[in-house]
Protein backbone atom coordinates (compact mmCIF):
# COMPACT_ATOMS: atom_id res chain seq x y z
CA MET A 1 -37.05 -33.68 -10.91
CA LYS A 2 -34.77 -36.00 -8.88
CA LYS A 3 -31.60 -34.01 -10.38
CA THR A 4 -33.26 -30.64 -9.39
CA VAL A 5 -33.95 -31.69 -5.78
CA PHE A 6 -30.46 -33.13 -5.57
CA PHE A 7 -28.80 -29.88 -6.98
CA VAL A 8 -30.90 -27.76 -4.56
CA GLY A 9 -29.99 -29.77 -1.53
CA LEU A 10 -26.14 -29.56 -2.51
CA VAL A 11 -26.42 -25.83 -2.97
CA LEU A 12 -27.96 -25.48 0.49
CA ILE A 13 -25.33 -27.73 2.08
CA LEU A 14 -22.62 -25.70 0.51
CA PHE A 15 -24.26 -22.38 1.57
CA CYS A 16 -24.48 -23.62 5.01
CA ILE A 17 -20.67 -24.56 5.05
CA VAL A 18 -19.89 -21.05 3.85
CA LEU A 19 -22.01 -19.34 6.55
CA THR A 20 -20.57 -21.55 9.32
CA THR A 21 -16.92 -21.19 8.02
CA LYS A 22 -15.28 -18.38 10.10
CA ALA A 23 -13.39 -15.81 8.07
CA GLN A 24 -9.81 -15.23 9.36
CA LYS A 25 -9.05 -11.78 10.47
CA VAL A 26 -6.32 -9.69 9.07
CA ALA A 27 -4.81 -6.56 10.77
CA VAL A 28 -2.68 -4.15 8.55
CA LEU A 29 -0.65 -2.02 10.82
CA PRO A 30 0.28 1.47 10.23
CA SER A 31 3.25 1.52 7.96
CA VAL A 32 6.62 2.70 9.25
CA PHE A 33 7.57 5.20 6.40
CA TYR A 34 10.91 6.91 6.15
CA ILE A 35 11.96 9.74 3.77
CA ASP A 36 15.75 10.37 3.62
CA GLY A 37 16.13 8.65 6.87
CA GLN A 38 13.42 10.66 8.79
CA LEU A 39 10.36 9.14 9.97
CA ALA A 40 7.34 10.39 7.95
CA PRO A 41 4.35 11.95 9.65
CA LYS A 42 1.59 9.77 11.23
CA MET A 43 -0.77 10.97 8.50
CA LYS A 44 1.40 9.02 5.81
CA ALA A 45 1.73 5.99 8.08
CA GLU A 46 -2.14 5.89 8.12
CA GLN A 47 -2.59 6.66 4.50
CA VAL A 48 -0.26 3.60 3.40
CA GLN A 49 -2.17 1.37 5.89
CA LYS A 50 -5.48 2.41 4.09
CA GLU A 51 -3.92 1.70 0.79
CA ILE A 52 -2.90 -1.72 1.64
CA VAL A 53 -6.15 -2.53 3.10
CA ALA A 54 -7.79 -1.37 -0.16
CA LEU A 55 -5.48 -3.64 -2.39
CA TYR A 56 -6.33 -6.61 -0.34
CA LYS A 57 -10.04 -6.01 -0.46
CA LYS A 58 -9.69 -5.89 -4.20
CA LYS A 59 -7.60 -9.07 -4.33
CA SER A 60 -9.72 -11.32 -1.92
CA THR A 61 -13.00 -11.40 0.03
CA VAL A 62 -11.98 -14.64 1.87
CA PHE A 63 -10.30 -12.64 4.74
CA GLN A 64 -11.89 -10.13 6.91
CA TYR A 65 -9.73 -6.96 7.27
CA SER A 66 -10.06 -4.93 10.60
CA SER A 67 -10.85 -1.30 10.13
CA THR A 68 -8.02 0.97 10.38
CA MET A 69 -10.05 2.94 12.99
CA GLU A 70 -10.48 -0.17 15.21
CA ILE A 71 -6.68 -0.92 14.91
CA LYS A 72 -5.81 2.74 15.88
CA LYS A 73 -8.02 2.50 18.80
CA LYS A 74 -6.80 -0.81 20.09
CA LEU A 75 -3.07 0.12 19.59
CA LYS A 76 -3.78 3.43 21.45
CA GLU A 77 -5.45 1.50 24.39
CA ASN A 78 -2.09 -0.41 24.59
CA ASP A 79 0.11 2.64 24.40
CA ILE A 80 1.38 1.34 20.96
CA ASP A 81 1.96 3.99 18.10
CA TYR A 82 2.92 3.88 14.55
CA ARG A 83 6.49 4.90 15.53
CA THR A 84 6.98 1.80 17.93
CA VAL A 85 4.42 -0.76 16.30
CA ALA A 86 7.31 -2.69 14.79
CA GLU A 87 8.83 -3.12 18.07
CA VAL A 88 6.03 -5.20 19.44
CA GLU A 89 5.96 -9.16 18.94
CA PRO A 90 3.58 -10.13 16.30
CA GLU A 91 1.86 -12.55 18.59
CA ARG A 92 1.20 -9.79 21.11
CA LEU A 93 -0.25 -7.57 18.37
CA ALA A 94 -2.50 -10.25 17.13
CA GLU A 95 -3.77 -10.81 20.76
CA ILE A 96 -4.29 -7.17 21.12
CA LEU A 97 -6.04 -6.69 17.78
CA GLY A 98 -7.99 -10.11 18.03
CA VAL A 99 -6.90 -11.33 14.70
CA ASP A 100 -5.44 -14.38 13.00
CA TYR A 101 -2.63 -12.37 10.66
CA VAL A 102 -0.61 -9.10 11.22
CA VAL A 103 0.72 -7.38 8.28
CA TYR A 104 3.81 -4.92 8.46
CA ALA A 105 5.15 -2.77 5.98
CA ASN A 106 8.20 -0.71 6.20
CA ILE A 107 8.93 1.84 3.32
CA MET A 108 12.25 3.75 2.88
CA MET A 109 12.58 6.45 0.38
CA ASP A 110 16.04 8.01 -0.18
CA GLN A 111 16.82 10.91 -2.55
CA GLU A 112 19.34 9.51 -5.20
CA GLY A 113 19.58 12.52 -7.31
CA ALA A 114 17.76 14.67 -9.70
CA GLN A 115 17.08 15.02 -13.47
CA THR A 116 16.77 18.10 -15.16
CA ASN A 117 14.84 18.46 -18.65
CA ASN A 118 15.28 21.61 -20.65
CA THR A 119 13.05 22.33 -23.49
CA SER A 120 13.23 25.29 -26.09
CA ASN A 121 10.89 26.11 -28.90
CA THR A 122 11.15 28.92 -31.40
CA SER A 123 7.89 29.96 -33.40
CA THR A 124 7.44 32.40 -36.23
CA SER A 125 4.27 34.56 -36.74
CA LYS A 126 3.36 37.67 -38.80
CA GLY A 127 2.87 40.79 -37.26
CA ILE A 128 -0.66 42.25 -37.34
CA ILE A 129 0.25 45.71 -38.40
CA SER A 130 3.65 45.39 -40.15
CA GLY A 131 3.19 42.07 -41.64
CA ASP A 132 6.71 41.26 -40.63
CA ASP A 133 7.89 37.94 -39.39
CA ILE A 134 8.09 37.83 -35.63
CA LYS A 135 10.10 35.11 -33.90
CA THR A 136 9.24 34.10 -30.51
CA LYS A 137 11.52 31.74 -28.50
CA THR A 138 10.36 29.97 -25.28
CA GLN A 139 12.37 28.08 -22.94
CA SER A 140 11.56 25.79 -19.97
CA SER A 141 13.26 23.70 -17.57
CA GLU A 142 11.94 21.17 -15.26
CA THR A 143 13.60 19.58 -12.53
CA ARG A 144 12.59 16.16 -10.92
CA ILE A 145 14.13 14.85 -7.74
CA LYS A 146 14.67 10.83 -8.11
CA TYR A 147 14.12 8.46 -5.21
CA ALA A 148 15.43 4.99 -4.40
CA THR A 149 12.28 3.18 -2.68
CA VAL A 150 12.49 -0.11 -0.79
CA VAL A 151 9.58 -1.85 0.75
CA GLU A 152 9.87 -4.35 3.34
CA TYR A 153 6.68 -6.49 3.82
CA ASN A 154 6.14 -9.18 6.52
CA ILE A 155 2.89 -11.11 7.38
CA TYR A 156 2.68 -13.30 10.76
CA LYS A 157 0.23 -15.72 12.08
CA SER A 158 -1.13 -15.01 15.52
CA ASN A 159 1.34 -17.39 17.02
CA GLY A 160 4.20 -15.43 15.87
CA GLU A 161 5.04 -17.62 12.80
CA MET A 162 6.25 -15.73 9.81
CA VAL A 163 4.25 -16.71 6.73
CA TYR A 164 5.82 -14.04 4.20
CA SER A 165 8.79 -11.80 4.30
CA GLU A 166 10.03 -9.99 1.24
CA SER A 167 12.09 -6.88 0.83
CA ARG A 168 11.71 -5.21 -2.79
CA LYS A 169 13.37 -2.13 -4.35
CA SER A 170 10.98 -0.34 -6.66
CA ASN A 171 12.42 0.08 -10.37
CA LEU A 172 10.65 3.42 -10.54
CA THR A 173 12.07 6.73 -9.04
CA TYR A 174 9.29 8.95 -8.39
CA PRO A 175 7.78 9.77 -5.12
CA THR A 176 4.75 7.43 -5.27
CA ALA A 177 6.70 4.35 -6.54
CA TYR A 178 5.86 2.71 -3.32
CA LYS A 179 2.44 2.08 -4.30
CA GLY A 180 3.60 -0.11 -7.23
CA THR A 181 5.70 -2.08 -4.94
CA LEU A 182 2.93 -2.52 -2.41
CA LYS A 183 0.64 -3.66 -5.09
CA TRP A 184 3.32 -6.28 -5.85
CA HIS A 185 3.49 -7.57 -2.34
CA VAL A 186 -0.27 -7.79 -1.91
CA LYS A 187 -0.40 -9.73 -5.12
CA HIS A 188 2.25 -12.05 -4.18
CA SER A 189 1.59 -12.61 -0.50
CA PRO A 190 -0.51 -15.50 0.79
CA LEU A 191 -3.39 -13.47 1.88
């Protein structure tokens, strides 16, 4: 009986500590995304931002992530957009967004060539009327553009202190290779 009361009391104390502990807020900024040296559309920057938030939410529930809509609204109110967000000091962004951490991701994709695969197939079948062998030859060709992708990933505290900075080149060459590199950064970052 005494053990049960002690255990229940301990659980209640831990529960109260968890409730009173303030979750640290994180803002994942719209990504700066370049394709062959050209800035990608705003839609792509916001898509990548949402992908990063989703990866973090799968990784940990310890942090509270600001909604992308809230971030967009606050940046707009301060005349900051996805093209210029990287030029603003991290401590200023943390103040504007009311967060403890700010996450930047810059993605550069540059075409590095193409790979063409040719296939040829010959099949033989019997003609319905004549019964003769009919040979059919099919050929196809597929060309895939290859990209070199680099993801620069930085995390700052609200006081401007950098807590994580890493640039990583993807080993893969397809257009969505950045997703695997983002996943690697999220997995290895301190958040």
